Amino acid sequence: MTIAVKSRRHVTLLAALALVITLVGPGARAQDDALLVASTTSTENSGLFAHILPIFEAHSQIKTRVIAVGTGQALRLGRNGDADVLLVHDPAAERAFIAAGHGVDRRPVMYNDFVLLGPKGDPSSVRGMTDAVAALRAIARAGAVFISRGDDSGTHRAERRLWNLTEVDVETASGTWYREAGAGMGAALNIASSVGGYILSDRATWLSFRNKGNLAILAAGDARLFNQYGVVRVNPARHRHVNARAASAFVEWLVSPAGQDAIGKFRVQGQQLFFPNASGS
């Protein structure tokens, strides 16, 4: 079952808030022998964990708890030893996490893509574009509302990398047409839907999102919108309380034929949301 629990030691205020937000039932409580996974909101909101974790638990007999947060926050939880393993989507940050001694054994797991959403009326005329940077420039020129997650998630980091390529100063524009939600993907999509704004989303969360309103996919297909997910074990030499045995079992299962098959078979409305690539980068 995918739920959040109280971390086992030295919980930061940020982590504690995340745990409160992701708590799904009054009966949820810490289990010292449970595997604690810090992962992105996209894997949780899409329903992927609800699909694959029962399969993993039946295979391994390991109980699993998930803290669903942005990638940046998941990496902070790992640095603090407040998770056993991370499933996130910022390869450069994952490699830096390992280089700093916080993690070990990074493996690619799966991929999907980001899509640029906006109101169907499309005041910036970006519909059908396959150049994400050109589309963002058009949004900036039009002064159309753009909703940023603004939460240091993998999606937020990808969005800012794209804005950096446009040479548009979104820091200066912040609070005008560029608006930072400081929220997860679902909440940010709700804001974009309510105000008729543009937003970058991972495709999995968008396809699972129910309050689409007047939003639609307007731009996609740019190679720079590729979205790779990786799994990283928290370094047990740095945090000896982590459940290293369970973390290793989870990693090995995710990249095994059984784990990759479970990921590939997950569908929402008949559409595949994640594409296994354990032999990828």
C-alpha atoms as a PDB file:
ATOM      1  CA  MET A   1       0.000   0.000   0.000  1.00  0.00           C
ATOM      2  CA  THR A   2       1.286   3.465  -0.848  1.00  0.00           C
ATOM      3  CA  ILE A   3       1.031   5.701   2.187  1.00  0.00           C
ATOM      4  CA  ALA A   4       3.301   8.085   4.026  1.00  0.00           C
ATOM      5  CA  VAL A   5       4.600   7.578   7.533  1.00  0.00           C
ATOM      6  CA  LYS A   6       6.623   9.464  10.071  1.00  0.00           C
ATOM      7  CA  SER A   7      10.342   9.236   9.265  1.00  0.00           C
ATOM      8  CA  ARG A   8      12.467   7.428  11.787  1.00  0.00           C
ATOM      9  CA  ARG A   9      14.878  10.100  13.014  1.00  0.00           C
ATOM     10  CA  HIS A  10      15.939  13.706  12.633  1.00  0.00           C
ATOM     11  CA  VAL A  11      12.879  14.774  10.626  1.00  0.00           C
ATOM     12  CA  THR A  12      13.196  18.284   9.298  1.00  0.00           C
ATOM     13  CA  LEU A  13      10.252  20.660   9.356  1.00  0.00           C
ATOM     14  CA  LEU A  14      10.000  20.381   5.576  1.00  0.00           C
ATOM     15  CA  ALA A  15       9.912  16.603   5.723  1.00  0.00           C
ATOM     16  CA  ALA A  16       7.361  16.674   8.516  1.00  0.00           C
ATOM     17  CA  LEU A  17       5.078  18.883   6.452  1.00  0.00           C
ATOM     18  CA  ALA A  18       5.414  16.516   3.504  1.00  0.00           C
ATOM     19  CA  LEU A  19       4.530  13.590   5.702  1.00  0.00           C
ATOM     20  CA  VAL A  20       1.410  15.329   6.967  1.00  0.00           C
ATOM     21  CA  ILE A  21       0.356  16.176   3.421  1.00  0.00           C
ATOM     22  CA  THR A  22       0.842  12.636   2.142  1.00  0.00           C
ATOM     23  CA  LEU A  23      -0.737  10.874   5.107  1.00  0.00           C
ATOM     24  CA  VAL A  24      -3.702   8.969   3.750  1.00  0.00           C
ATOM     25  CA  GLY A  25      -5.388   7.414   6.738  1.00  0.00           C
ATOM     26  CA  PRO A  26      -5.775   7.788  10.480  1.00  0.00           C
ATOM     27  CA  GLY A  27      -4.376   4.288  11.000  1.00  0.00           C
ATOM     28  CA  ALA A  28      -1.064   4.996   9.282  1.00  0.00           C
ATOM     29  CA  ARG A  29       1.903   4.751  11.611  1.00  0.00           C
ATOM     30  CA  ALA A  30       5.642   4.176  11.495  1.00  0.00           C
ATOM     31  CA  GLN A  31       6.951   0.648  11.102  1.00  0.00           C
ATOM     32  CA  ASP A  32      10.673   0.427  11.710  1.00  0.00           C
ATOM     33  CA  ASP A  33      11.080  -2.545   9.378  1.00  0.00           C
ATOM     34  CA  ALA A  34       9.127  -0.991   6.498  1.00  0.00           C
ATOM     35  CA  LEU A  35      10.936   0.237   3.409  1.00  0.00           C
ATOM     36  CA  LEU A  36      10.647   4.023   3.194  1.00  0.00           C
ATOM     37  CA  VAL A  37      10.650   5.361  -0.383  1.00  0.00           C
ATOM     38  CA  ALA A  38      10.919   9.083  -1.115  1.00  0.00           C
ATOM     39  CA  SER A  39       9.562   9.643  -4.585  1.00  0.00           C
ATOM     40  CA  THR A  40       8.059  12.206  -6.896  1.00  0.00           C
ATOM     41  CA  THR A  41       4.442  13.266  -6.870  1.00  0.00           C
ATOM     42  CA  SER A  42       4.066  11.993 -10.443  1.00  0.00           C
ATOM     43  CA  THR A  43       4.648   8.364  -9.465  1.00  0.00           C
ATOM     44  CA  GLU A  44       2.106   8.684  -6.669  1.00  0.00           C
ATOM     45  CA  ASN A  45      -0.525  10.888  -8.339  1.00  0.00           C
ATOM     46  CA  SER A  46      -0.542   8.824 -11.517  1.00  0.00           C
ATOM     47  CA  GLY A  47      -1.376   5.651  -9.617  1.00  0.00           C
ATOM     48  CA  LEU A  48       1.869   3.880 -10.546  1.00  0.00           C
ATOM     49  CA  PHE A  49       2.741   2.967  -6.962  1.00  0.00           C
ATOM     50  CA  ALA A  50      -0.760   1.669  -6.294  1.00  0.00           C
ATOM     51  CA  HIS A  51      -0.181  -0.636  -9.259  1.00  0.00           C
ATOM     52  CA  ILE A  52       3.381  -1.869  -8.686  1.00  0.00           C
ATOM     53  CA  LEU A  53       3.832  -1.922  -4.904  1.00  0.00           C
ATOM     54  CA  PRO A  54       1.377  -4.753  -4.207  1.00  0.00           C
ATOM     55  CA  ILE A  55       3.287  -6.822  -6.762  1.00  0.00           C
ATOM     56  CA  PHE A  56       6.640  -5.992  -5.139  1.00  0.00           C
ATOM     57  CA  GLU A  57       5.323  -6.638  -1.639  1.00  0.00           C
ATOM     58  CA  ALA A  58       3.877 -10.013  -2.642  1.00  0.00           C
ATOM     59  CA  HIS A  59       7.218 -10.931  -4.207  1.00  0.00           C
ATOM     60  CA  SER A  60       9.466  -9.684  -1.393  1.00  0.00           C
ATOM     61  CA  GLN A  61       7.270  -9.756   1.722  1.00  0.00           C
ATOM     62  CA  ILE A  62       8.604  -6.236   2.412  1.00  0.00           C
ATOM     63  CA  LYS A  63       6.127  -3.593   3.554  1.00  0.00           C
ATOM     64  CA  THR A  64       6.643  -0.313   1.728  1.00  0.00           C
ATOM     65  CA  ARG A  65       5.746   3.261   2.620  1.00  0.00           C
ATOM     66  CA  VAL A  66       6.034   6.224   0.235  1.00  0.00           C
ATOM     67  CA  ILE A  67       6.682   9.908   0.883  1.00  0.00           C
ATOM     68  CA  ALA A  68       5.460  11.658  -2.280  1.00  0.00           C
ATOM     69  CA  VAL A  69       7.292  14.976  -2.699  1.00  0.00           C
ATOM     70  CA  GLY A  70       9.213  16.863  -5.366  1.00  0.00           C
ATOM     71  CA  THR A  71      12.586  15.515  -6.452  1.00  0.00           C
ATOM     72  CA  GLY A  72      14.509  18.283  -4.678  1.00  0.00           C
ATOM     73  CA  GLN A  73      12.759  17.520  -1.414  1.00  0.00           C
ATOM     74  CA  ALA A  74      13.206  13.767  -1.888  1.00  0.00           C
ATOM     75  CA  LEU A  75      16.951  14.315  -2.279  1.00  0.00           C
ATOM     76  CA  ARG A  76      16.968  16.382   0.925  1.00  0.00           C
ATOM     77  CA  LEU A  77      15.196  13.554   2.740  1.00  0.00           C
ATOM     78  CA  GLY A  78      17.872  11.189   1.462  1.00  0.00           C
ATOM     79  CA  ARG A  79      20.666  13.490   2.595  1.00  0.00           C
ATOM     80  CA  ASN A  80      19.120  13.563   6.083  1.00  0.00           C
ATOM     81  CA  GLY A  81      18.709   9.805   6.198  1.00  0.00           C
ATOM     82  CA  ASP A  82      14.929  10.144   6.337  1.00  0.00           C
ATOM     83  CA  ALA A  83      14.343   7.615   3.545  1.00  0.00           C
ATOM     84  CA  ASP A  84      15.887   4.324   2.480  1.00  0.00           C
ATOM     85  CA  VAL A  85      15.652   4.736  -1.279  1.00  0.00           C
ATOM     86  CA  LEU A  86      14.704   7.465  -3.762  1.00  0.00           C
ATOM     87  CA  LEU A  87      12.774   7.199  -7.031  1.00  0.00           C
ATOM     88  CA  VAL A  88      13.198  10.592  -8.687  1.00  0.00           C
ATOM     89  CA  HIS A  89      13.664  12.295 -12.062  1.00  0.00           C
ATOM     90  CA  ASP A  90      16.668  14.584 -12.219  1.00  0.00           C
ATOM     91  CA  PRO A  91      19.658  12.509 -13.437  1.00  0.00           C
ATOM     92  CA  ALA A  92      22.215  15.293 -12.931  1.00  0.00           C
ATOM     93  CA  ALA A  93      21.082  15.861  -9.349  1.00  0.00           C
ATOM     94  CA  GLU A  94      21.012  12.111  -8.704  1.00  0.00           C
ATOM     95  CA  ARG A  95      24.618  11.779  -9.843  1.00  0.00           C
ATOM     96  CA  ALA A  96      25.630  14.758  -7.694  1.00  0.00           C
ATOM     97  CA  PHE A  97      23.844  13.125  -4.740  1.00  0.00           C
ATOM     98  CA  ILE A  98      25.997  10.029  -5.192  1.00  0.00           C
ATOM     99  CA  ALA A  99      29.195  12.023  -5.797  1.00  0.00           C
ATOM    100  CA  ALA A 100      28.638  13.793  -2.469  1.00  0.00           C
ATOM    101  CA  GLY A 101      28.444  10.429  -0.715  1.00  0.00           C
ATOM    102  CA  HIS A 102      24.742  10.542   0.102  1.00  0.00           C
ATOM    103  CA  GLY A 103      23.653   7.726  -2.189  1.00  0.00           C
ATOM    104  CA  VAL A 104      24.839   4.564  -3.909  1.00  0.00           C
ATOM    105  CA  ASP A 105      23.852   2.357  -6.806  1.00  0.00           C
ATOM    106  CA  ARG A 106      21.833   4.664  -9.086  1.00  0.00           C
ATOM    107  CA  ARG A 107      19.887   2.775 -11.745  1.00  0.00           C
ATOM    108  CA  PRO A 108      17.716   4.043 -14.593  1.00  0.00           C
ATOM    109  CA  VAL A 109      14.182   2.704 -14.280  1.00  0.00           C
ATOM    110  CA  MET A 110      11.747   4.265 -16.752  1.00  0.00           C
ATOM    111  CA  TYR A 111      10.945   7.382 -18.739  1.00  0.00           C
ATOM    112  CA  ASN A 112       8.113   9.450 -20.115  1.00  0.00           C
ATOM    113  CA  ASP A 113       7.990  13.076 -21.260  1.00  0.00           C
ATOM    114  CA  PHE A 114       6.944  16.555 -20.264  1.00  0.00           C
ATOM    115  CA  VAL A 115       4.197  18.368 -22.131  1.00  0.00           C
ATOM    116  CA  LEU A 116       3.308  22.047 -22.373  1.00  0.00           C
ATOM    117  CA  LEU A 117      -0.332  22.609 -21.491  1.00  0.00           C
ATOM    118  CA  GLY A 118      -2.416  25.697 -21.991  1.00  0.00           C
ATOM    119  CA  PRO A 119      -5.930  27.024 -22.577  1.00  0.00           C
ATOM    120  CA  LYS A 120      -7.613  25.670 -25.692  1.00  0.00           C
ATOM    121  CA  GLY A 121      -7.965  29.235 -26.976  1.00  0.00           C
ATOM    122  CA  ASP A 122      -4.132  29.390 -26.984  1.00  0.00           C
ATOM    123  CA  PRO A 123      -3.516  33.180 -26.830  1.00  0.00           C
ATOM    124  CA  SER A 124       0.223  32.594 -27.421  1.00  0.00           C
ATOM    125  CA  SER A 125      -0.311  30.527 -30.595  1.00  0.00           C
ATOM    126  CA  VAL A 126       1.924  27.653 -29.534  1.00  0.00           C
ATOM    127  CA  ARG A 127      -0.390  24.806 -30.534  1.00  0.00           C
ATOM    128  CA  GLY A 128       1.436  22.097 -32.457  1.00  0.00           C
ATOM    129  CA  MET A 129       4.936  23.386 -31.684  1.00  0.00           C
ATOM    130  CA  THR A 130       7.654  20.788 -31.162  1.00  0.00           C
ATOM    131  CA  ASP A 131      10.255  23.332 -30.021  1.00  0.00           C
ATOM    132  CA  ALA A 132       9.619  23.844 -26.312  1.00  0.00           C
ATOM    133  CA  VAL A 133      11.972  26.816 -26.034  1.00  0.00           C
ATOM    134  CA  ALA A 134      10.282  28.632 -28.920  1.00  0.00           C
ATOM    135  CA  ALA A 135       6.905  27.928 -27.317  1.00  0.00           C
ATOM    136  CA  LEU A 136       8.013  29.458 -24.010  1.00  0.00           C
ATOM    137  CA  ARG A 137       9.369  32.509 -25.818  1.00  0.00           C
ATOM    138  CA  ALA A 138       5.978  32.942 -27.492  1.00  0.00           C
ATOM    139  CA  ILE A 139       4.227  32.751 -24.115  1.00  0.00           C
ATOM    140  CA  ALA A 140       6.566  35.384 -22.704  1.00  0.00           C
ATOM    141  CA  ARG A 141       6.077  37.690 -25.699  1.00  0.00           C
ATOM    142  CA  ALA A 142       2.319  37.454 -25.295  1.00  0.00           C
ATOM    143  CA  GLY A 143       2.540  38.049 -21.559  1.00  0.00           C
ATOM    144  CA  ALA A 144       0.220  35.067 -21.102  1.00  0.00           C
ATOM    145  CA  VAL A 145      -0.124  33.571 -17.633  1.00  0.00           C
ATOM    146  CA  PHE A 146       2.361  30.769 -16.973  1.00  0.00           C
ATOM    147  CA  ILE A 147       2.068  28.716 -13.793  1.00  0.00           C
ATOM    148  CA  SER A 148       5.339  27.367 -12.428  1.00  0.00           C
ATOM    149  CA  ARG A 149       5.395  24.737  -9.721  1.00  0.00           C
ATOM    150  CA  GLY A 150       8.100  26.749  -7.989  1.00  0.00           C
ATOM    151  CA  ASP A 151       8.838  23.890  -5.590  1.00  0.00           C
ATOM    152  CA  ASP A 152      12.300  22.610  -6.607  1.00  0.00           C
ATOM    153  CA  SER A 153      10.736  19.441  -8.027  1.00  0.00           C
ATOM    154  CA  GLY A 154      12.135  17.594 -11.026  1.00  0.00           C
ATOM    155  CA  THR A 155       9.448  19.200 -13.169  1.00  0.00           C
ATOM    156  CA  HIS A 156      10.250  22.667 -11.815  1.00  0.00           C
ATOM    157  CA  ARG A 157      13.954  22.152 -12.467  1.00  0.00           C
ATOM    158  CA  ALA A 158      13.252  20.987 -16.032  1.00  0.00           C
ATOM    159  CA  GLU A 159      11.027  24.007 -16.608  1.00  0.00           C
ATOM    160  CA  ARG A 160      13.683  26.427 -15.365  1.00  0.00           C
ATOM    161  CA  ARG A 161      16.323  24.810 -17.577  1.00  0.00           C
ATOM    162  CA  LEU A 162      14.051  25.474 -20.554  1.00  0.00           C
ATOM    163  CA  TRP A 163      13.418  29.081 -19.501  1.00  0.00           C
ATOM    164  CA  ASN A 164      17.174  29.596 -19.176  1.00  0.00           C
ATOM    165  CA  LEU A 165      17.487  28.637 -22.848  1.00  0.00           C
ATOM    166  CA  THR A 166      14.919  31.282 -23.807  1.00  0.00           C
ATOM    167  CA  GLU A 167      16.978  34.052 -22.142  1.00  0.00           C
ATOM    168  CA  VAL A 168      13.694  35.354 -20.683  1.00  0.00           C
ATOM    169  CA  ASP A 169      14.196  36.678 -17.141  1.00  0.00           C
ATOM    170  CA  VAL A 170      11.378  34.905 -15.323  1.00  0.00           C
ATOM    171  CA  GLU A 171      12.744  36.084 -11.964  1.00  0.00           C
ATOM    172  CA  THR A 172      11.894  39.636 -12.936  1.00  0.00           C
ATOM    173  CA  ALA A 173       8.553  38.527 -14.367  1.00  0.00           C
ATOM    174  CA  SER A 174       7.625  36.606 -11.214  1.00  0.00           C
ATOM    175  CA  GLY A 175       4.292  37.783  -9.847  1.00  0.00           C
ATOM    176  CA  THR A 176       3.156  39.240 -13.166  1.00  0.00           C
ATOM    177  CA  TRP A 177       2.488  36.817 -16.032  1.00  0.00           C
ATOM    178  CA  TYR A 178       4.923  34.275 -14.512  1.00  0.00           C
ATOM    179  CA  ARG A 179       3.407  32.922 -11.308  1.00  0.00           C
ATOM    180  CA  GLU A 180       5.035  30.468  -8.923  1.00  0.00           C
ATOM    181  CA  ALA A 181       2.626  28.148  -7.150  1.00  0.00           C
ATOM    182  CA  GLY A 182       5.054  26.620  -4.659  1.00  0.00           C
ATOM    183  CA  ALA A 183       2.974  23.440  -4.937  1.00  0.00           C
ATOM    184  CA  GLY A 184       2.912  19.919  -6.276  1.00  0.00           C
ATOM    185  CA  MET A 185       1.899  19.011  -9.788  1.00  0.00           C
ATOM    186  CA  GLY A 186      -1.764  18.371  -9.037  1.00  0.00           C
ATOM    187  CA  ALA A 187      -2.224  21.638  -7.153  1.00  0.00           C
ATOM    188  CA  ALA A 188      -0.346  23.597  -9.829  1.00  0.00           C
ATOM    189  CA  LEU A 189      -2.529  22.043 -12.536  1.00  0.00           C
ATOM    190  CA  ASN A 190      -5.619  23.071 -10.602  1.00  0.00           C
ATOM    191  CA  ILE A 191      -4.354  26.655 -10.536  1.00  0.00           C
ATOM    192  CA  ALA A 192      -3.561  26.629 -14.252  1.00  0.00           C
ATOM    193  CA  SER A 193      -6.991  25.189 -14.986  1.00  0.00           C
ATOM    194  CA  SER A 194      -8.746  27.852 -12.896  1.00  0.00           C
ATOM    195  CA  VAL A 195      -6.882  30.842 -14.378  1.00  0.00           C
ATOM    196  CA  GLY A 196      -6.461  29.572 -17.947  1.00  0.00           C
ATOM    197  CA  GLY A 197      -2.679  29.548 -17.718  1.00  0.00           C
ATOM    198  CA  TYR A 198       0.093  27.642 -19.437  1.00  0.00           C
ATOM    199  CA  ILE A 199       2.033  25.037 -17.459  1.00  0.00           C
ATOM    200  CA  LEU A 200       4.661  22.341 -17.925  1.00  0.00           C
ATOM    201  CA  SER A 201       3.574  18.919 -16.653  1.00  0.00           C
ATOM    202  CA  ASP A 202       4.795  15.384 -16.786  1.00  0.00           C
ATOM    203  CA  ARG A 203       2.502  13.482 -19.103  1.00  0.00           C
ATOM    204  CA  ALA A 204       1.632  10.821 -16.510  1.00  0.00           C
ATOM    205  CA  THR A 205       0.149  13.297 -14.038  1.00  0.00           C
ATOM    206  CA  TRP A 206      -1.698  15.125 -16.818  1.00  0.00           C
ATOM    207  CA  LEU A 207      -3.336  11.963 -18.121  1.00  0.00           C
ATOM    208  CA  SER A 208      -4.398  11.051 -14.573  1.00  0.00           C
ATOM    209  CA  PHE A 209      -5.601  14.576 -13.746  1.00  0.00           C
ATOM    210  CA  ARG A 210      -9.376  14.909 -13.569  1.00  0.00           C
ATOM    211  CA  ASN A 211      -9.890  18.680 -13.369  1.00  0.00           C
ATOM    212  CA  LYS A 212      -8.616  19.406 -16.880  1.00  0.00           C
ATOM    213  CA  GLY A 213     -11.125  22.187 -17.466  1.00  0.00           C
ATOM    214  CA  ASN A 214     -10.145  24.161 -20.558  1.00  0.00           C
ATOM    215  CA  LEU A 215      -6.547  22.911 -20.604  1.00  0.00           C
ATOM    216  CA  ALA A 216      -5.070  20.824 -23.410  1.00  0.00           C
ATOM    217  CA  ILE A 217      -1.659  19.625 -24.566  1.00  0.00           C
ATOM    218  CA  LEU A 218      -0.419  22.339 -26.926  1.00  0.00           C
ATOM    219  CA  ALA A 219       3.274  21.563 -27.414  1.00  0.00           C
ATOM    220  CA  ALA A 220       5.193  18.298 -27.110  1.00  0.00           C
ATOM    221  CA  GLY A 221       7.772  16.150 -28.851  1.00  0.00           C
ATOM    222  CA  ASP A 222      10.928  18.173 -28.165  1.00  0.00           C
ATOM    223  CA  ALA A 223      13.851  15.918 -27.194  1.00  0.00           C
ATOM    224  CA  ARG A 224      14.514  18.338 -24.333  1.00  0.00           C
ATOM    225  CA  LEU A 225      11.190  17.235 -22.812  1.00  0.00           C
ATOM    226  CA  PHE A 226      12.488  13.701 -22.233  1.00  0.00           C
ATOM    227  CA  ASN A 227      11.884  12.728 -18.598  1.00  0.00           C
ATOM    228  CA  GLN A 228      14.126  10.011 -17.140  1.00  0.00           C
ATOM    229  CA  TYR A 229      13.439   8.417 -13.742  1.00  0.00           C
ATOM    230  CA  GLY A 230      16.133   6.776 -11.641  1.00  0.00           C
ATOM    231  CA  VAL A 231      16.295   4.874  -8.367  1.00  0.00           C
ATOM    232  CA  VAL A 232      19.053   5.568  -5.823  1.00  0.00           C
ATOM    233  CA  ARG A 233      19.735   3.864  -2.507  1.00  0.00           C
ATOM    234  CA  VAL A 234      20.572   6.103   0.451  1.00  0.00           C
ATOM    235  CA  ASN A 235      24.151   5.378   1.538  1.00  0.00           C
ATOM    236  CA  PRO A 236      24.025   3.003   4.547  1.00  0.00           C
ATOM    237  CA  ALA A 237      27.606   3.876   5.434  1.00  0.00           C
ATOM    238  CA  ARG A 238      26.474   7.454   6.115  1.00  0.00           C
ATOM    239  CA  HIS A 239      23.130   6.582   7.709  1.00  0.00           C
ATOM    240  CA  ARG A 240      23.407   3.216   9.414  1.00  0.00           C
ATOM    241  CA  HIS A 241      19.749   3.153  10.436  1.00  0.00           C
ATOM    242  CA  VAL A 242      18.500   2.921   6.834  1.00  0.00           C
ATOM    243  CA  ASN A 243      16.925  -0.339   5.717  1.00  0.00           C
ATOM    244  CA  ALA A 244      19.687  -1.257   3.284  1.00  0.00           C
ATOM    245  CA  ARG A 245      18.505  -4.826   2.748  1.00  0.00           C
ATOM    246  CA  ALA A 246      14.982  -3.772   1.777  1.00  0.00           C
ATOM    247  CA  ALA A 247      16.293  -0.900  -0.368  1.00  0.00           C
ATOM    248  CA  SER A 248      18.517  -3.272  -2.328  1.00  0.00           C
ATOM    249  CA  ALA A 249      15.633  -5.688  -2.822  1.00  0.00           C
ATOM    250  CA  PHE A 250      13.428  -2.867  -4.124  1.00  0.00           C
ATOM    251  CA  VAL A 251      16.072  -1.633  -6.571  1.00  0.00           C
ATOM    252  CA  GLU A 252      16.799  -5.122  -7.884  1.00  0.00           C
ATOM    253  CA  TRP A 253      13.097  -5.817  -8.361  1.00  0.00           C
ATOM    254  CA  LEU A 254      12.430  -2.504 -10.157  1.00  0.00           C
ATOM    255  CA  VAL A 255      15.124  -3.193 -12.746  1.00  0.00           C
ATOM    256  CA  SER A 256      14.335  -6.915 -13.063  1.00  0.00           C
ATOM    257  CA  PRO A 257      12.155  -8.274 -15.887  1.00  0.00           C
ATOM    258  CA  ALA A 258       9.282  -8.621 -13.405  1.00  0.00           C
ATOM    259  CA  GLY A 259       9.535  -5.013 -12.205  1.00  0.00           C
ATOM    260  CA  GLN A 260       9.989  -3.622 -15.692  1.00  0.00           C
ATOM    261  CA  ASP A 261       7.006  -5.633 -16.898  1.00  0.00           C
ATOM    262  CA  ALA A 262       4.842  -4.279 -14.061  1.00  0.00           C
ATOM    263  CA  ILE A 263       5.792  -0.703 -14.950  1.00  0.00           C
ATOM    264  CA  GLY A 264       5.146  -1.256 -18.653  1.00  0.00           C
ATOM    265  CA  LYS A 265       1.706  -2.748 -18.030  1.00  0.00           C
ATOM    266  CA  PHE A 266       0.452   0.227 -16.008  1.00  0.00           C
ATOM    267  CA  ARG A 267      -2.226   2.068 -17.965  1.00  0.00           C
ATOM    268  CA  VAL A 268      -4.558   5.008 -17.401  1.00  0.00           C
ATOM    269  CA  GLN A 269      -7.507   5.264 -19.795  1.00  0.00           C
ATOM    270  CA  GLY A 270      -5.771   2.680 -21.948  1.00  0.00           C
ATOM    271  CA  GLN A 271      -2.585   4.752 -22.283  1.00  0.00           C
ATOM    272  CA  GLN A 272       0.861   3.695 -21.121  1.00  0.00           C
ATOM    273  CA  LEU A 273       2.273   6.358 -18.780  1.00  0.00           C
ATOM    274  CA  PHE A 274       5.789   5.089 -18.057  1.00  0.00           C
ATOM    275  CA  PHE A 275       8.189   3.221 -20.334  1.00  0.00           C
ATOM    276  CA  PRO A 276      10.680   0.880 -18.651  1.00  0.00           C
ATOM    277  CA  ASN A 277      14.326   1.337 -19.625  1.00  0.00           C
ATOM    278  CA  ALA A 278      16.481  -0.236 -16.923  1.00  0.00           C
ATOM    279  CA  SER A 279      19.219  -0.614 -19.514  1.00  0.00           C
ATOM    280  CA  GLY A 280      19.058   3.147 -20.273  1.00  0.00           C
ATOM    281  CA  SER A 281      21.046   6.096 -18.911  1.00  0.00           C
END
